[in-house]
Amino acid sequence: MNYQEIQNIVNELLPEFGIECTATIRIAGKYDPKTGLSGTEKTTNGQAIITNIDMRYSGQNNLIEVGDQWLLATASLDLQVGSVVHIDGKKYQVIAPNPIKMAKHTILYKAHIRKV
């Protein structure tokens, strides 16, 4: 199976129907007295589509709250729990990244997000 070909299809379709976005995650590290923060930030860029979560399924997952959404995103965003996604002028926090993988290759993310 050619995983790169599947990755290319995802990378063509998401930009066609989605929007550009960035994801930021704080990586643990030493405290910097100049900034008042510990660690560093890692920012990645990609394409994404936001869709609503069907609330009929909210009873199956107690993490889902009213207003939560799904984010279908390119693998280049490298999403993690706690990542903050900036899309269309709004901020969303990643509750669960849910990577969709083929073998060990992440093809895209179907992330559970919450508006910050």
Protein backbone atom coordinates (compact mmCIF):
# COMPACT_ATOMS: atom_id res chain seq x y z
CA MET A 1 0.00 0.00 0.00
CA ASN A 2 1.35 3.41 -0.95
CA TYR A 3 0.80 5.59 2.14
CA GLN A 4 2.37 8.64 0.50
CA GLU A 5 -0.27 8.53 -2.26
CA ILE A 6 -3.06 8.50 0.34
CA GLN A 7 -1.34 11.33 2.22
CA ASN A 8 -1.19 13.32 -1.04
CA ILE A 9 -4.93 12.85 -1.60
CA VAL A 10 -5.66 14.16 1.92
CA ASN A 11 -3.30 17.09 1.34
CA GLU A 12 -5.16 17.95 -1.88
CA LEU A 13 -8.72 17.61 -0.54
CA LEU A 14 -8.40 19.45 2.78
CA PRO A 15 -7.01 22.66 1.20
CA GLU A 16 -9.72 22.49 -1.48
CA PHE A 17 -12.57 22.38 1.05
CA GLY A 18 -10.89 23.66 4.23
CA ILE A 19 -9.05 26.68 5.56
CA GLU A 20 -5.49 27.42 6.68
CA CYS A 21 -4.79 27.12 10.39
CA THR A 22 -1.99 26.88 12.94
CA ALA A 23 -1.58 24.74 16.04
CA THR A 24 0.51 25.70 19.06
CA ILE A 25 1.62 23.46 21.91
CA ARG A 26 3.78 24.33 24.91
CA ILE A 27 6.68 21.91 25.34
CA ALA A 28 7.86 21.41 28.92
CA GLY A 29 11.22 22.86 29.82
CA LYS A 30 13.10 25.15 32.16
CA TYR A 31 11.55 28.32 33.54
CA ASP A 32 12.59 31.49 31.70
CA PRO A 33 12.47 34.51 34.03
CA LYS A 34 12.53 36.89 31.03
CA THR A 35 9.24 35.60 29.64
CA GLY A 36 7.74 34.27 32.87
CA LEU A 37 6.99 30.97 31.11
CA SER A 38 8.42 27.49 31.31
CA GLY A 39 9.31 25.56 28.20
CA THR A 40 8.96 26.59 24.60
CA GLU A 41 6.14 26.80 22.10
CA LYS A 42 5.97 24.69 18.97
CA THR A 43 3.80 26.04 16.15
CA THR A 44 2.76 24.02 13.10
CA ASN A 45 0.75 24.96 10.01
CA GLY A 46 -1.82 23.02 8.04
CA GLN A 47 -5.31 22.89 6.58
CA ALA A 48 -8.51 21.94 8.38
CA ILE A 49 -12.28 21.65 8.25
CA ILE A 50 -14.51 22.14 11.29
CA THR A 51 -17.72 20.12 11.61
CA ASN A 52 -20.30 19.78 14.36
CA ILE A 53 -20.46 16.78 16.65
CA ASP A 54 -23.78 14.97 16.49
CA MET A 55 -25.05 15.30 20.08
CA ARG A 56 -26.92 11.98 19.78
CA TYR A 57 -23.56 10.38 20.51
CA SER A 58 -22.60 12.62 23.45
CA GLY A 59 -23.80 10.02 25.96
CA GLN A 60 -21.18 7.61 24.64
CA ASN A 61 -18.30 9.96 25.46
CA ASN A 62 -18.48 12.05 28.61
CA LEU A 63 -15.80 14.41 27.26
CA ILE A 64 -18.24 15.95 24.76
CA GLU A 65 -19.90 19.19 25.82
CA VAL A 66 -22.42 21.39 24.04
CA GLY A 67 -20.57 23.47 21.45
CA ASP A 68 -17.72 20.99 20.92
CA GLN A 69 -16.74 20.28 17.33
CA TRP A 70 -14.68 17.95 15.14
CA LEU A 71 -11.59 19.23 13.36
CA LEU A 72 -10.47 17.28 10.30
CA ALA A 73 -6.86 18.39 9.84
CA THR A 74 -3.75 17.57 7.85
CA ALA A 75 -1.05 15.54 9.59
CA SER A 76 1.32 18.52 9.35
CA LEU A 77 -0.46 20.13 12.33
CA ASP A 78 1.00 17.45 14.64
CA LEU A 79 -1.90 17.82 17.11
CA GLN A 80 -1.60 16.82 20.76
CA VAL A 81 -3.91 17.01 23.77
CA GLY A 82 -3.87 20.65 24.86
CA SER A 83 -2.78 22.08 21.51
CA VAL A 84 -4.42 25.39 20.69
CA VAL A 85 -5.65 25.63 17.10
CA HIS A 86 -6.07 29.07 15.51
CA ILE A 87 -8.56 28.90 12.66
CA ASP A 88 -10.58 31.67 11.02
CA GLY A 89 -9.70 34.13 13.81
CA LYS A 90 -10.91 31.80 16.58
CA LYS A 91 -9.07 29.63 19.12
CA TYR A 92 -9.91 26.02 19.89
CA GLN A 93 -8.27 23.64 22.36
CA VAL A 94 -7.67 20.03 21.34
CA ILE A 95 -9.42 17.68 23.78
CA ALA A 96 -8.51 14.49 21.88
CA PRO A 97 -6.37 14.53 18.71
CA ASN A 98 -7.59 11.15 17.33
CA PRO A 99 -4.94 10.59 14.64
CA ILE A 100 -6.10 8.47 11.71
CA LYS A 101 -3.18 6.22 10.89
CA MET A 102 -2.24 3.67 8.28
CA ALA A 103 0.45 1.47 9.79
CA LYS A 104 2.55 4.03 11.69
CA HIS A 105 1.88 6.94 9.32
CA THR A 106 -0.57 9.63 10.45
CA ILE A 107 -2.76 10.48 7.45
CA LEU A 108 -4.96 13.11 9.11
CA TYR A 109 -6.55 14.03 12.44
CA LYS A 110 -10.19 13.88 13.46
CA ALA A 111 -9.69 15.96 16.57
CA HIS A 112 -12.26 16.74 19.24
CA ILE A 113 -11.95 20.51 19.85
CA ARG A 114 -13.50 23.07 22.20
CA LYS A 115 -13.67 26.84 21.67
CA VAL A 116 -11.38 28.73 24.07
